[in-house]
């Protein structure tokens, strides 16, 4: 149960899940750019990877 005196906007779990998804997306985008593809392909790949990672980490990291 969350502490009623806690004034944070998001929980620690939410911050970790979003951070891991962002790192995954950035990594995938940079790897795509490094392999010689154009910027649009890198952004699309990074966004898709971040979305998939968000769903994965949301299921894997316990909410307790």
C-alpha atoms as a PDB file:
ATOM      1  CA  UNK A   1       0.000   0.000   0.000  1.00  0.00           C
ATOM      2  CA  UNK A   2       1.460   3.409  -0.926  1.00  0.00           C
ATOM      3  CA  UNK A   3       2.406   5.782   1.849  1.00  0.00           C
ATOM      4  CA  UNK A   4      -0.216   8.598   2.026  1.00  0.00           C
ATOM      5  CA  UNK A   5       2.500  11.124   2.911  1.00  0.00           C
ATOM      6  CA  UNK A   6       4.563  10.287  -0.176  1.00  0.00           C
ATOM      7  CA  UNK A   7       4.385  13.251  -2.601  1.00  0.00           C
ATOM      8  CA  UNK A   8       6.171  11.639  -5.560  1.00  0.00           C
ATOM      9  CA  UNK A   9       4.482  11.783  -8.956  1.00  0.00           C
ATOM     10  CA  UNK A  10       5.333   8.217  -9.981  1.00  0.00           C
ATOM     11  CA  UNK A  11       6.326   5.120  -8.058  1.00  0.00           C
ATOM     12  CA  UNK A  12       9.814   3.672  -8.045  1.00  0.00           C
ATOM     13  CA  UNK A  13       8.586   0.667 -10.052  1.00  0.00           C
ATOM     14  CA  UNK A  14       7.150   2.927 -12.759  1.00  0.00           C
ATOM     15  CA  UNK A  15      10.389   4.903 -12.960  1.00  0.00           C
ATOM     16  CA  UNK A  16      12.471   1.728 -13.309  1.00  0.00           C
ATOM     17  CA  UNK A  17      10.199   0.243 -15.982  1.00  0.00           C
ATOM     18  CA  UNK A  18      10.238   3.472 -18.025  1.00  0.00           C
ATOM     19  CA  UNK A  19      14.002   3.892 -17.621  1.00  0.00           C
ATOM     20  CA  UNK A  20      14.715   0.339 -18.785  1.00  0.00           C
ATOM     21  CA  UNK A  21      12.376   0.767 -21.763  1.00  0.00           C
ATOM     22  CA  UNK A  22      14.079   4.038 -22.729  1.00  0.00           C
ATOM     23  CA  UNK A  23      17.554   2.491 -22.466  1.00  0.00           C
ATOM     24  CA  UNK A  24      16.435  -0.442 -24.609  1.00  0.00           C
ATOM     25  CA  UNK A  25      14.942   1.851 -27.253  1.00  0.00           C
ATOM     26  CA  UNK A  26      17.991   4.090 -27.394  1.00  0.00           C
ATOM     27  CA  UNK A  27      20.281   1.082 -27.641  1.00  0.00           C
ATOM     28  CA  UNK A  28      18.282  -0.468 -30.468  1.00  0.00           C
ATOM     29  CA  UNK A  29      18.153   2.842 -32.330  1.00  0.00           C
ATOM     30  CA  UNK A  30      21.886   3.388 -32.004  1.00  0.00           C
ATOM     31  CA  UNK A  31      22.626  -0.151 -33.148  1.00  0.00           C
ATOM     32  CA  UNK A  32      20.409   0.399 -36.173  1.00  0.00           C
ATOM     33  CA  UNK A  33      22.185   3.653 -37.024  1.00  0.00           C
ATOM     34  CA  UNK A  34      25.559   2.012 -36.479  1.00  0.00           C
ATOM     35  CA  UNK A  35      24.712  -0.709 -38.959  1.00  0.00           C
ATOM     36  CA  UNK A  36      24.385   1.866 -41.722  1.00  0.00           C
ATOM     37  CA  UNK A  37      20.649   2.524 -41.873  1.00  0.00           C
ATOM     38  CA  UNK A  38      19.188   6.029 -42.079  1.00  0.00           C
ATOM     39  CA  UNK A  39      17.896   8.093 -39.154  1.00  0.00           C
ATOM     40  CA  UNK A  40      14.222   7.319 -39.782  1.00  0.00           C
ATOM     41  CA  UNK A  41      14.887   3.588 -39.563  1.00  0.00           C
ATOM     42  CA  UNK A  42      16.809   4.098 -36.333  1.00  0.00           C
ATOM     43  CA  UNK A  43      14.000   6.102 -34.756  1.00  0.00           C
ATOM     44  CA  UNK A  44      11.331   3.609 -35.815  1.00  0.00           C
ATOM     45  CA  UNK A  45      13.380   0.662 -34.592  1.00  0.00           C
ATOM     46  CA  UNK A  46      14.099   2.376 -31.282  1.00  0.00           C
ATOM     47  CA  UNK A  47      10.449   3.251 -30.763  1.00  0.00           C
ATOM     48  CA  UNK A  48       9.311  -0.273 -31.508  1.00  0.00           C
ATOM     49  CA  UNK A  49      11.939  -1.739 -29.202  1.00  0.00           C
ATOM     50  CA  UNK A  50      11.002   0.680 -26.411  1.00  0.00           C
ATOM     51  CA  UNK A  51       7.328  -0.241 -26.726  1.00  0.00           C
ATOM     52  CA  UNK A  52       8.071  -3.946 -26.622  1.00  0.00           C
ATOM     53  CA  UNK A  53      10.465  -3.503 -23.707  1.00  0.00           C
ATOM     54  CA  UNK A  54       7.860  -1.500 -21.803  1.00  0.00           C
ATOM     55  CA  UNK A  55       5.373  -4.353 -22.075  1.00  0.00           C
ATOM     56  CA  UNK A  56       8.039  -6.907 -21.140  1.00  0.00           C
ATOM     57  CA  UNK A  57       9.413  -5.059 -18.112  1.00  0.00           C
ATOM     58  CA  UNK A  58       5.912  -4.244 -16.906  1.00  0.00           C
ATOM     59  CA  UNK A  59       5.194  -7.989 -16.738  1.00  0.00           C
ATOM     60  CA  UNK A  60       8.597  -9.054 -15.397  1.00  0.00           C
ATOM     61  CA  UNK A  61       9.103  -6.542 -12.574  1.00  0.00           C
ATOM     62  CA  UNK A  62       6.901  -7.386  -9.623  1.00  0.00           C
ATOM     63  CA  UNK A  63       4.411  -4.789  -8.426  1.00  0.00           C
ATOM     64  CA  UNK A  64       4.748  -5.833  -4.775  1.00  0.00           C
END
